[in-house]
């Protein structure tokens, strides 16, 4: 489960600040970067023996596997903690101003840790059940908001590309596609995992995520314009949470976004916690027995 679902509420401001009118090119290049990163991971998987990330790292780096894995886990923890803090700030600023930040962080982190400390099959079944529902709700909101898109002029890509800020913008989106460790880890648990199946699933996921961020870009910039995107703290939150419809069962259908983002963040964090826990357990004990303990330690950290 990519960070795209967990951090989509900060999009597209993150890339527009750097790329400006070249943002459409930046989005396409960002998707291409994801394809390259995933292709390199698939090649690495093809030339190393079967196993999870820790097994393949041990085969590739031998004695250096554990410090490299620790550095990677540290980076993941910092990134996940940052995303959780931003999400809690957004909830506090827009929806729950009287609720303490620590309470929202604790609730989401505890739910994520509970799912991550279960077996992989329990986590996978929950994600398989909830993810399509959350995505259908998101596409429903996008469909409703599509009628408000009127700034089509702002969506035209620039004919004069400024290379340096565009490259900065592309590199700044790497966190959206940081999912190779998840793909490498969970591929081992897929029933009869063939290289062709893993490749199709990985590239299909990138295509789907690329469609999501492109649609989010269109409805955000197209609805409120590029200048509002730069000045609002949470432009996408403003666009979706203020939706209203007189022909819908709910007077404020945009409030469904609370369910979507909360569920997406819980399962995004759960997937990362599970992968960190199972890899650390396998690296030191050559088994998965310590995975629940490692998950709760990472959650506390």
Protein backbone atom coordinates (compact mmCIF):
# COMPACT_ATOMS: atom_id res chain seq x y z
CA UNK A 1 0.00 0.00 0.00
CA UNK A 2 1.77 3.09 -1.26
CA UNK A 3 2.28 6.33 0.57
CA UNK A 4 0.19 7.86 -2.21
CA UNK A 5 -2.91 6.81 -0.27
CA UNK A 6 -1.48 7.98 3.01
CA UNK A 7 -0.10 11.36 1.98
CA UNK A 8 -2.41 12.38 -0.84
CA UNK A 9 -3.85 15.19 1.29
CA UNK A 10 -0.64 17.25 0.79
CA UNK A 11 -0.82 16.88 -3.00
CA UNK A 12 -0.31 18.73 -5.39
CA UNK A 13 1.08 21.65 -3.40
CA UNK A 14 4.36 19.80 -2.76
CA UNK A 15 5.28 19.65 -6.44
CA UNK A 16 3.64 22.91 -7.58
CA UNK A 17 5.79 24.97 -5.20
CA UNK A 18 8.89 23.92 -7.13
CA UNK A 19 7.74 23.15 -10.67
CA UNK A 20 5.12 25.87 -11.15
CA UNK A 21 3.66 25.76 -14.67
CA UNK A 22 5.82 22.73 -15.43
CA UNK A 23 3.92 20.62 -12.88
CA UNK A 24 2.17 18.42 -15.51
CA UNK A 25 5.59 17.46 -16.87
CA UNK A 26 6.79 16.90 -13.32
CA UNK A 27 3.94 14.49 -12.60
CA UNK A 28 4.68 12.45 -15.72
CA UNK A 29 8.38 12.39 -14.89
CA UNK A 30 7.59 11.40 -11.29
CA UNK A 31 5.57 8.42 -12.52
CA UNK A 32 8.44 7.50 -14.85
CA UNK A 33 10.83 7.69 -11.89
CA UNK A 34 8.60 5.26 -10.00
CA UNK A 35 8.71 2.84 -12.94
CA UNK A 36 12.52 3.02 -13.02
CA UNK A 37 12.83 2.51 -9.24
CA UNK A 38 10.47 -0.45 -9.30
CA UNK A 39 12.15 -1.96 -12.37
CA UNK A 40 15.51 -1.87 -10.59
CA UNK A 41 13.94 -3.58 -7.58
CA UNK A 42 12.44 -6.26 -9.84
CA UNK A 43 15.82 -6.87 -11.48
CA UNK A 44 17.40 -7.23 -8.03
CA UNK A 45 14.70 -9.70 -7.03
CA UNK A 46 15.34 -11.69 -10.19
CA UNK A 47 19.08 -12.13 -9.50
CA UNK A 48 18.82 -12.92 -5.77
CA UNK A 49 17.45 -16.06 -4.08
CA UNK A 50 13.82 -16.13 -2.97
CA UNK A 51 13.02 -14.51 0.38
CA UNK A 52 11.93 -11.28 2.02
CA UNK A 53 13.95 -8.06 1.94
CA UNK A 54 16.25 -9.11 4.82
CA UNK A 55 17.11 -12.41 3.09
CA UNK A 56 17.98 -10.72 -0.18
CA UNK A 57 20.02 -8.03 1.60
CA UNK A 58 21.97 -10.68 3.49
CA UNK A 59 22.73 -12.44 0.21
CA UNK A 60 23.79 -9.18 -1.48
CA UNK A 61 25.58 -7.32 1.32
CA UNK A 62 26.54 -10.18 3.64
CA UNK A 63 27.84 -8.67 6.91
CA UNK A 64 26.79 -5.15 5.92
CA UNK A 65 23.13 -6.15 5.65
CA UNK A 66 22.19 -5.26 9.23
CA UNK A 67 23.59 -1.66 9.29
CA UNK A 68 22.02 -0.97 5.89
CA UNK A 69 18.69 -2.36 7.08
CA UNK A 70 18.91 -0.27 10.26
CA UNK A 71 19.54 2.89 8.23
CA UNK A 72 16.60 2.03 6.00
CA UNK A 73 14.33 1.37 8.99
CA UNK A 74 15.41 4.69 10.53
CA UNK A 75 14.50 6.50 7.31
CA UNK A 76 11.13 4.72 7.21
CA UNK A 77 10.40 5.63 10.83
CA UNK A 78 11.23 9.30 10.24
CA UNK A 79 9.09 9.42 7.10
CA UNK A 80 6.16 7.59 8.70
CA UNK A 81 6.32 9.75 11.83
CA UNK A 82 6.33 12.88 9.66
CA UNK A 83 3.32 11.70 7.68
CA UNK A 84 1.44 10.83 10.87
CA UNK A 85 2.25 14.24 12.38
CA UNK A 86 1.09 16.05 9.23
CA UNK A 87 -2.10 14.02 9.11
CA UNK A 88 -2.87 14.77 12.77
CA UNK A 89 -2.20 18.47 12.17
CA UNK A 90 -4.60 18.44 9.23
CA UNK A 91 -7.32 16.74 11.27
CA UNK A 92 -6.81 19.21 14.11
CA UNK A 93 -6.80 22.29 11.87
CA UNK A 94 -9.79 21.35 9.69
CA UNK A 95 -12.01 18.86 11.48
CA UNK A 96 -11.19 18.43 15.19
CA UNK A 97 -9.67 21.65 16.60
CA UNK A 98 -10.54 20.73 20.21
CA UNK A 99 -9.01 17.24 20.11
CA UNK A 100 -5.38 17.01 21.32
CA UNK A 101 -2.86 16.07 18.67
CA UNK A 102 -1.39 13.34 20.83
CA UNK A 103 -4.78 11.64 21.10
CA UNK A 104 -5.22 11.45 17.32
CA UNK A 105 -1.65 10.24 16.80
CA UNK A 106 -2.04 7.62 19.52
CA UNK A 107 -5.30 6.29 18.09
CA UNK A 108 -4.00 5.94 14.52
CA UNK A 109 -0.64 4.49 15.62
CA UNK A 110 -2.30 1.95 17.93
CA UNK A 111 -4.72 0.79 15.21
CA UNK A 112 -1.87 0.47 12.73
CA UNK A 113 0.26 -1.49 15.19
CA UNK A 114 -2.62 -3.84 15.97
CA UNK A 115 -3.07 -4.74 12.30
CA UNK A 116 0.69 -4.96 11.72
CA UNK A 117 1.21 -7.30 14.67
CA UNK A 118 -1.23 -9.85 13.21
CA UNK A 119 -0.17 -12.42 10.64
CA UNK A 120 0.42 -11.33 7.06
CA UNK A 121 -2.77 -13.06 5.91
CA UNK A 122 -4.89 -11.09 8.42
CA UNK A 123 -3.30 -7.81 7.34
CA UNK A 124 -3.64 -8.65 3.65
CA UNK A 125 -7.31 -9.65 3.95
CA UNK A 126 -8.17 -6.41 5.75
CA UNK A 127 -6.40 -4.34 3.13
CA UNK A 128 -8.03 -6.32 0.32
CA UNK A 129 -11.44 -5.70 1.87
CA UNK A 130 -11.13 -2.02 2.78
CA UNK A 131 -8.89 -0.66 0.03
CA UNK A 132 -11.44 -1.06 -2.82
CA UNK A 133 -14.14 0.52 -0.66
CA UNK A 134 -11.94 3.50 0.21
CA UNK A 135 -10.92 3.97 -3.43
CA UNK A 136 -14.53 3.78 -4.65
CA UNK A 137 -15.47 6.49 -2.16
CA UNK A 138 -12.53 8.61 -3.32
CA UNK A 139 -13.54 8.25 -6.97
CA UNK A 140 -17.12 9.14 -5.98
CA UNK A 141 -15.90 12.41 -4.45
CA UNK A 142 -13.71 13.10 -7.49
CA UNK A 143 -16.73 12.57 -9.76
CA UNK A 144 -18.84 15.00 -7.71
CA UNK A 145 -16.04 17.59 -7.68
CA UNK A 146 -15.46 17.27 -11.43
CA UNK A 147 -18.41 19.58 -12.10
CA UNK A 148 -16.55 22.37 -10.28
CA UNK A 149 -13.46 22.17 -12.48
CA UNK A 150 -13.39 25.37 -14.50
CA UNK A 151 -9.75 26.53 -14.53
CA UNK A 152 -8.83 24.39 -17.50
CA UNK A 153 -6.28 26.97 -18.58
CA UNK A 154 -4.22 26.19 -15.46
CA UNK A 155 -3.91 22.54 -16.46
CA UNK A 156 -2.13 23.20 -19.75
CA UNK A 157 1.54 22.17 -19.56
CA UNK A 158 4.12 24.87 -20.11
CA UNK A 159 5.81 25.03 -23.50
CA UNK A 160 8.94 26.53 -21.92
CA UNK A 161 10.42 24.01 -19.51
CA UNK A 162 12.78 25.28 -16.80
CA UNK A 163 14.97 22.26 -16.14
CA UNK A 164 16.50 22.91 -12.69
CA UNK A 165 13.30 23.55 -10.67
CA UNK A 166 11.57 20.76 -12.59
CA UNK A 167 14.28 18.29 -11.56
CA UNK A 168 14.00 19.50 -7.96
CA UNK A 169 10.25 18.95 -8.07
CA UNK A 170 10.64 15.45 -9.51
CA UNK A 171 13.16 14.44 -6.85
CA UNK A 172 10.96 15.91 -4.12
CA UNK A 173 8.22 13.41 -5.00
CA UNK A 174 10.34 10.32 -4.29
CA UNK A 175 8.51 9.77 -0.99
CA UNK A 176 5.27 9.18 -2.89
CA UNK A 177 6.75 6.07 -4.47
CA UNK A 178 8.81 4.70 -1.60
CA UNK A 179 7.29 1.25 -1.68
CA UNK A 180 9.95 -1.09 -3.03
CA UNK A 181 10.74 -2.50 0.42
CA UNK A 182 7.05 -3.37 0.79
CA UNK A 183 6.90 -4.98 -2.66
CA UNK A 184 10.06 -7.02 -2.09
CA UNK A 185 8.88 -8.17 1.34
CA UNK A 186 5.28 -9.13 0.58
CA UNK A 187 6.13 -10.76 -2.77
CA UNK A 188 7.58 -13.67 -0.80
CA UNK A 189 4.16 -14.32 0.78
CA UNK A 190 2.24 -14.31 -2.51
CA UNK A 191 0.97 -17.76 -3.45
CA UNK A 192 3.07 -19.15 -6.34
CA UNK A 193 4.96 -15.87 -6.88
CA UNK A 194 6.27 -15.76 -10.44
CA UNK A 195 8.43 -12.92 -11.72
CA UNK A 196 5.81 -12.09 -14.36
CA UNK A 197 3.01 -11.87 -11.78
CA UNK A 198 5.07 -9.66 -9.46
CA UNK A 199 6.00 -7.40 -12.38
CA UNK A 200 2.38 -7.05 -13.48
CA UNK A 201 1.16 -6.28 -9.95
CA UNK A 202 3.92 -3.73 -9.35
CA UNK A 203 3.51 -1.86 -12.63
CA UNK A 204 -0.29 -2.04 -12.30
CA UNK A 205 -0.06 -0.46 -8.85
CA UNK A 206 2.14 2.36 -10.21
CA UNK A 207 -0.32 2.97 -13.06
CA UNK A 208 -3.24 3.11 -10.62
CA UNK A 209 -1.40 5.48 -8.29
CA UNK A 210 -0.41 7.65 -11.22
CA UNK A 211 -4.07 7.92 -12.25
CA UNK A 212 -5.03 8.89 -8.69
CA UNK A 213 -2.47 11.68 -8.32
CA UNK A 214 -3.27 12.96 -11.83
CA UNK A 215 -7.00 13.16 -11.04
CA UNK A 216 -6.26 14.82 -7.70
CA UNK A 217 -4.13 17.38 -9.53
CA UNK A 218 -6.91 18.10 -12.03
CA UNK A 219 -9.71 18.60 -9.50
CA UNK A 220 -7.57 20.66 -7.12
CA UNK A 221 -5.88 23.03 -9.55
CA UNK A 222 -8.89 23.03 -11.87
CA UNK A 223 -11.35 23.91 -9.09
CA UNK A 224 -9.56 26.64 -7.12
CA UNK A 225 -6.73 27.64 -9.46
CA UNK A 226 -2.95 27.48 -9.04
CA UNK A 227 -2.66 30.58 -6.85
CA UNK A 228 -5.03 29.20 -4.23
CA UNK A 229 -3.10 25.91 -4.29
CA UNK A 230 0.03 27.83 -3.31
CA UNK A 231 -1.62 29.86 -0.56
CA UNK A 232 -3.82 27.29 1.15
CA UNK A 233 -2.21 24.99 3.73
CA UNK A 234 -4.29 21.98 2.67
CA UNK A 235 -5.72 22.74 -0.82
CA UNK A 236 -7.12 19.27 -1.49
CA UNK A 237 -8.70 19.13 1.96
CA UNK A 238 -10.36 22.48 1.27
CA UNK A 239 -11.68 21.28 -2.09
CA UNK A 240 -13.12 17.95 -0.91
CA UNK A 241 -14.28 18.80 2.62
CA UNK A 242 -16.36 21.73 1.36
CA UNK A 243 -18.28 19.71 -1.20
CA UNK A 244 -22.04 20.02 -1.06
CA UNK A 245 -24.75 18.40 -3.14
CA UNK A 246 -28.51 18.91 -3.05
CA UNK A 247 -29.09 15.70 -4.97
CA UNK A 248 -26.97 13.46 -2.75
CA UNK A 249 -28.07 11.53 0.31
CA UNK A 250 -25.55 13.51 2.39
CA UNK A 251 -25.62 17.29 2.39
CA UNK A 252 -21.82 17.28 2.86
CA UNK A 253 -20.50 14.28 0.90
CA UNK A 254 -16.99 15.66 1.25
CA UNK A 255 -16.96 14.55 4.89
CA UNK A 256 -16.55 11.00 3.56
CA UNK A 257 -12.94 12.01 3.01
CA UNK A 258 -12.40 11.57 6.75
CA UNK A 259 -13.12 7.85 6.44
CA UNK A 260 -10.94 7.53 3.35
CA UNK A 261 -7.88 9.29 4.73
CA UNK A 262 -8.05 7.74 8.18
CA UNK A 263 -8.40 4.23 6.78
CA UNK A 264 -5.67 4.82 4.20
CA UNK A 265 -3.25 6.13 6.83
CA UNK A 266 -3.95 3.24 9.20
CA UNK A 267 -3.28 0.59 6.57
CA UNK A 268 -0.33 2.47 5.07
CA UNK A 269 1.36 2.62 8.48
CA UNK A 270 0.37 -0.98 9.22
CA UNK A 271 1.99 -2.22 6.00
CA UNK A 272 5.20 -0.35 6.77
CA UNK A 273 5.30 -1.49 10.40
CA UNK A 274 4.74 -5.09 9.35
CA UNK A 275 7.54 -4.97 6.78
CA UNK A 276 9.96 -3.36 9.22
CA UNK A 277 9.08 -5.85 11.96
CA UNK A 278 9.22 -8.98 9.82
CA UNK A 279 12.55 -7.99 8.23
CA UNK A 280 14.19 -7.16 11.54
CA UNK A 281 12.95 -10.41 13.06
CA UNK A 282 14.18 -12.46 10.09
CA UNK A 283 17.57 -10.73 10.02
CA UNK A 284 18.41 -11.46 13.67
CA UNK A 285 16.48 -14.65 14.45
CA UNK A 286 16.02 -16.14 10.94
CA UNK A 287 12.32 -16.54 11.82
CA UNK A 288 9.18 -14.39 12.09
CA UNK A 289 8.61 -15.03 15.80
CA UNK A 290 9.70 -11.59 17.00
CA UNK A 291 7.64 -9.67 14.43
CA UNK A 292 4.83 -8.55 16.85
CA UNK A 293 7.37 -7.36 19.44
CA UNK A 294 9.37 -5.47 16.81
CA UNK A 295 6.18 -3.86 15.46
CA UNK A 296 5.18 -2.47 18.86
CA UNK A 297 8.73 -1.24 19.52
CA UNK A 298 8.73 0.63 16.21
CA UNK A 299 5.29 2.07 17.02
CA UNK A 300 6.52 3.41 20.36
CA UNK A 301 9.61 4.88 18.70
